[in-house]
């Protein structure tokens, strides 16, 4: 079994050679832009957040499917599964981060109102 792409990606700042660290600001910028976008998207939704939760579940399933394909056909594939899986991981992680913070804020507001 190969190491999951998410673990490799999270450990990459410590293992990249010095001349390849230019990738890190791009990945962090992409993560920041996704987080801002999902915050705006969650705030724009009125009422129940079922659409956001549904999209979050779909992106998590897509990430897991790519991870399984990476485990079986990683280096042999003509499709670049590693980068796609890494991007889907950032996508799902930023959605989960935004929704988790939203749930914490909502919980604090309800406990403060009591």
Protein backbone atom coordinates (compact mmCIF):
# COMPACT_ATOMS: atom_id res chain seq x y z
CA UNK A 1 0.00 0.00 0.00
CA UNK A 2 1.30 3.44 -0.91
CA UNK A 3 1.38 6.44 1.40
CA UNK A 4 -1.83 8.48 0.97
CA UNK A 5 -1.48 11.62 -1.12
CA UNK A 6 -2.79 13.78 1.73
CA UNK A 7 -0.02 12.66 4.10
CA UNK A 8 2.61 13.16 1.43
CA UNK A 9 1.24 16.61 0.72
CA UNK A 10 1.16 17.63 4.38
CA UNK A 11 4.71 16.37 4.90
CA UNK A 12 6.08 18.01 1.75
CA UNK A 13 7.20 21.30 3.36
CA UNK A 14 9.71 19.30 5.37
CA UNK A 15 10.93 17.05 2.57
CA UNK A 16 11.08 19.28 -0.51
CA UNK A 17 14.49 20.32 -1.80
CA UNK A 18 15.24 24.01 -1.49
CA UNK A 19 14.84 24.70 -5.22
CA UNK A 20 11.34 23.13 -5.29
CA UNK A 21 9.79 25.05 -2.40
CA UNK A 22 8.22 27.55 -4.78
CA UNK A 23 5.22 25.22 -4.84
CA UNK A 24 4.30 25.92 -1.21
CA UNK A 25 3.10 29.54 -1.62
CA UNK A 26 1.00 28.47 -4.59
CA UNK A 27 -0.66 25.67 -2.60
CA UNK A 28 -1.22 27.93 0.42
CA UNK A 29 -2.64 30.66 -1.80
CA UNK A 30 -4.97 28.16 -3.47
CA UNK A 31 -6.11 26.93 -0.05
CA UNK A 32 -6.69 30.52 1.13
CA UNK A 33 -8.70 31.37 -2.00
CA UNK A 34 -10.82 28.25 -1.58
CA UNK A 35 -11.44 29.07 2.06
CA UNK A 36 -12.53 32.63 1.21
CA UNK A 37 -14.76 31.34 -1.58
CA UNK A 38 -16.45 28.75 0.63
CA UNK A 39 -16.91 31.31 3.41
CA UNK A 40 -18.65 33.63 0.94
CA UNK A 41 -20.71 30.74 -0.43
CA UNK A 42 -21.81 29.61 3.04
CA UNK A 43 -22.69 33.16 4.07
CA UNK A 44 -24.68 33.74 0.87
CA UNK A 45 -26.91 30.70 1.51
CA UNK A 46 -30.05 31.56 3.41
CA UNK A 47 -31.67 29.27 5.94
CA UNK A 48 -30.57 25.66 6.20
CA UNK A 49 -27.11 24.81 4.91
CA UNK A 50 -28.08 21.48 3.35
CA UNK A 51 -26.69 22.41 -0.07
CA UNK A 52 -23.28 23.20 1.40
CA UNK A 53 -23.26 19.94 3.36
CA UNK A 54 -24.28 18.03 0.24
CA UNK A 55 -21.46 19.61 -1.80
CA UNK A 56 -19.05 18.86 1.04
CA UNK A 57 -20.04 15.19 1.02
CA UNK A 58 -19.70 14.95 -2.77
CA UNK A 59 -16.22 16.49 -2.71
CA UNK A 60 -15.15 14.14 0.10
CA UNK A 61 -16.41 11.15 -1.90
CA UNK A 62 -14.55 12.37 -5.01
CA UNK A 63 -11.36 12.77 -2.99
CA UNK A 64 -11.70 9.27 -1.54
CA UNK A 65 -12.36 7.81 -5.00
CA UNK A 66 -9.22 9.48 -6.36
CA UNK A 67 -7.24 8.24 -3.38
CA UNK A 68 -8.40 4.66 -4.03
CA UNK A 69 -7.51 4.99 -7.70
CA UNK A 70 -4.10 6.34 -6.66
CA UNK A 71 -3.56 3.28 -4.45
CA UNK A 72 -4.29 0.91 -7.32
CA UNK A 73 -3.00 2.77 -10.41
CA UNK A 74 -0.72 5.55 -9.08
CA UNK A 75 2.39 5.55 -11.22
CA UNK A 76 0.93 3.43 -14.00
CA UNK A 77 -1.87 5.82 -14.83
CA UNK A 78 -1.74 8.19 -17.79
CA UNK A 79 -4.04 10.54 -15.87
CA UNK A 80 -2.15 12.57 -13.22
CA UNK A 81 -3.87 11.11 -10.17
CA UNK A 82 -1.43 12.53 -7.62
CA UNK A 83 -1.97 16.22 -8.36
CA UNK A 84 -5.72 15.80 -8.85
CA UNK A 85 -6.02 13.97 -5.55
CA UNK A 86 -3.99 16.70 -3.84
CA UNK A 87 -6.22 19.43 -5.24
CA UNK A 88 -9.35 17.54 -4.19
CA UNK A 89 -7.85 17.13 -0.72
CA UNK A 90 -7.34 20.90 -0.43
CA UNK A 91 -10.87 21.45 -1.73
CA UNK A 92 -12.46 19.08 0.81
CA UNK A 93 -10.24 20.34 3.64
CA UNK A 94 -11.16 23.98 3.06
CA UNK A 95 -14.87 23.11 2.94
CA UNK A 96 -14.61 21.16 6.19
CA UNK A 97 -12.67 23.99 7.85
CA UNK A 98 -15.24 26.62 6.87
CA UNK A 99 -18.21 24.48 7.90
CA UNK A 100 -16.56 23.53 11.20
CA UNK A 101 -15.94 27.18 12.07
CA UNK A 102 -19.52 28.00 11.05
CA UNK A 103 -20.84 25.29 13.39
CA UNK A 104 -18.68 26.57 16.27
CA UNK A 105 -19.90 30.15 15.77
CA UNK A 106 -23.51 29.02 15.56
CA UNK A 107 -23.10 26.96 18.74
CA UNK A 108 -21.60 29.92 20.61
CA UNK A 109 -24.42 32.18 19.47
CA UNK A 110 -27.09 29.74 20.67
CA UNK A 111 -25.40 29.22 24.05
CA UNK A 112 -24.94 32.99 24.50
CA UNK A 113 -28.63 33.61 23.76
CA UNK A 114 -29.74 31.19 26.49
